[in-house]
Amino acid sequence: MLRIKDRKFPILNSQFLIFYLTIFIEQMTTLNFLFRLKCVQQT
């Protein structure tokens, strides 16, 4: 059922992909922010 739905509605799949991508980007930015904070503290 799920596989057939994925084939019929690729929009749902793309939405999930975008959601995953945004989470990934947010994690990367937070990591970058923490890294910069560390560098500032060291200086």
N, C-alpha and C. Protein backbone atom coordinates (compact mmCIF):
# COMPACT_ATOMS: atom_id res chain seq x y z
N MET A 1 0.84 -1.21 0.00
CA MET A 1 0.00 0.00 0.00
C MET A 1 0.88 1.27 0.00
N LEU A 2 1.85 1.32 0.88
CA LEU A 2 2.70 2.50 0.98
C LEU A 2 3.48 2.73 -0.31
N ARG A 3 3.98 1.65 -0.89
CA ARG A 3 4.76 1.80 -2.12
C ARG A 3 3.90 2.34 -3.25
N ILE A 4 2.67 1.82 -3.35
CA ILE A 4 1.76 2.29 -4.39
C ILE A 4 1.44 3.77 -4.17
N LYS A 5 1.22 4.15 -2.92
CA LYS A 5 0.92 5.55 -2.60
C LYS A 5 2.09 6.44 -3.00
N ASP A 6 3.30 5.98 -2.71
CA ASP A 6 4.48 6.77 -3.07
C ASP A 6 4.54 6.99 -4.58
N ARG A 7 4.18 5.96 -5.33
CA ARG A 7 4.22 6.08 -6.79
C ARG A 7 3.12 7.03 -7.28
N LYS A 8 1.96 6.95 -6.63
CA LYS A 8 0.84 7.79 -7.05
C LYS A 8 1.05 9.25 -6.63
N PHE A 9 1.59 9.46 -5.45
CA PHE A 9 1.77 10.81 -4.94
C PHE A 9 3.25 11.11 -4.65
N PRO A 10 3.99 11.47 -5.66
CA PRO A 10 5.40 11.83 -5.43
C PRO A 10 5.53 13.14 -4.65
N ILE A 11 4.43 13.91 -4.63
CA ILE A 11 4.44 15.18 -3.90
C ILE A 11 4.68 14.92 -2.41
N LEU A 12 4.01 13.92 -1.86
CA LEU A 12 4.20 13.58 -0.45
C LEU A 12 5.65 13.22 -0.20
N ASN A 13 6.22 12.46 -1.11
CA ASN A 13 7.61 12.05 -0.98
C ASN A 13 8.53 13.26 -0.98
N SER A 14 8.29 14.18 -1.89
CA SER A 14 9.13 15.37 -1.99
C SER A 14 8.97 16.24 -0.74
N GLN A 15 7.74 16.33 -0.21
CA GLN A 15 7.52 17.10 1.01
C GLN A 15 8.33 16.51 2.15
N PHE A 16 8.34 15.20 2.27
CA PHE A 16 9.12 14.54 3.31
C PHE A 16 10.60 14.82 3.11
N LEU A 17 11.03 14.80 1.86
CA LEU A 17 12.43 15.07 1.54
C LEU A 17 12.80 16.49 1.94
N ILE A 18 11.93 17.44 1.62
CA ILE A 18 12.17 18.84 1.98
C ILE A 18 12.22 18.99 3.50
N PHE A 19 11.31 18.32 4.19
CA PHE A 19 11.27 18.35 5.65
C PHE A 19 12.58 17.83 6.23
N TYR A 20 13.05 16.70 5.70
CA TYR A 20 14.31 16.11 6.16
C TYR A 20 15.47 17.06 5.87
N LEU A 21 15.43 17.67 4.70
CA LEU A 21 16.50 18.59 4.29
C LEU A 21 16.55 19.80 5.21
N THR A 22 15.40 20.36 5.55
CA THR A 22 15.37 21.53 6.42
C THR A 22 15.92 21.18 7.80
N ILE A 23 15.56 20.02 8.32
CA ILE A 23 16.08 19.58 9.61
C ILE A 23 17.59 19.45 9.55
N PHE A 24 18.07 18.86 8.45
CA PHE A 24 19.51 18.68 8.28
C PHE A 24 20.21 20.04 8.25
N ILE A 25 19.65 20.97 7.51
CA ILE A 25 20.24 22.31 7.41
C ILE A 25 20.24 22.99 8.77
N GLU A 26 19.15 22.86 9.50
CA GLU A 26 19.07 23.46 10.84
C GLU A 26 20.14 22.89 11.75
N GLN A 27 20.33 21.57 11.69
CA GLN A 27 21.35 20.94 12.51
C GLN A 27 22.73 21.47 12.13
N MET A 28 22.98 21.60 10.84
CA MET A 28 24.27 22.09 10.37
C MET A 28 24.51 23.52 10.86
N THR A 29 23.50 24.36 10.79
CA THR A 29 23.66 25.75 11.22
C THR A 29 23.90 25.83 12.73
N THR A 30 23.21 25.00 13.49
CA THR A 30 23.43 25.01 14.95
C THR A 30 24.84 24.55 15.26
N LEU A 31 25.32 23.52 14.55
CA LEU A 31 26.69 23.05 14.75
C LEU A 31 27.67 24.16 14.41
N ASN A 32 27.43 24.83 13.30
CA ASN A 32 28.30 25.93 12.88
C ASN A 32 28.30 27.03 13.94
N PHE A 33 27.12 27.35 14.45
CA PHE A 33 26.99 28.38 15.47
C PHE A 33 27.78 28.00 16.73
N LEU A 34 27.63 26.75 17.17
CA LEU A 34 28.36 26.29 18.35
C LEU A 34 29.86 26.34 18.11
N PHE A 35 30.27 25.96 16.91
CA PHE A 35 31.69 25.98 16.57
C PHE A 35 32.24 27.40 16.62
N ARG A 36 31.49 28.34 16.08
CA ARG A 36 31.91 29.75 16.11
C ARG A 36 31.97 30.25 17.55
N LEU A 37 30.99 29.86 18.34
CA LEU A 37 30.96 30.26 19.74
C LEU A 37 32.23 29.76 20.45
N LYS A 38 32.61 28.52 20.17
CA LYS A 38 33.82 27.94 20.74
C LYS A 38 35.04 28.76 20.36
N CYS A 39 35.12 29.10 19.07
CA CYS A 39 36.26 29.87 18.57
C CYS A 39 36.31 31.23 19.27
N VAL A 40 35.17 31.85 19.45
CA VAL A 40 35.12 33.16 20.10
C VAL A 40 35.57 33.03 21.56
N GLN A 41 35.15 31.99 22.22
CA GLN A 41 35.53 31.79 23.62
C GLN A 41 37.03 31.56 23.74
N GLN A 42 37.61 30.85 22.79
CA GLN A 42 39.04 30.56 22.83
C GLN A 42 39.87 31.83 22.66
N THR A 43 39.41 32.75 21.83
CA THR A 43 40.20 33.95 21.54
C THR A 43 40.32 34.86 22.76
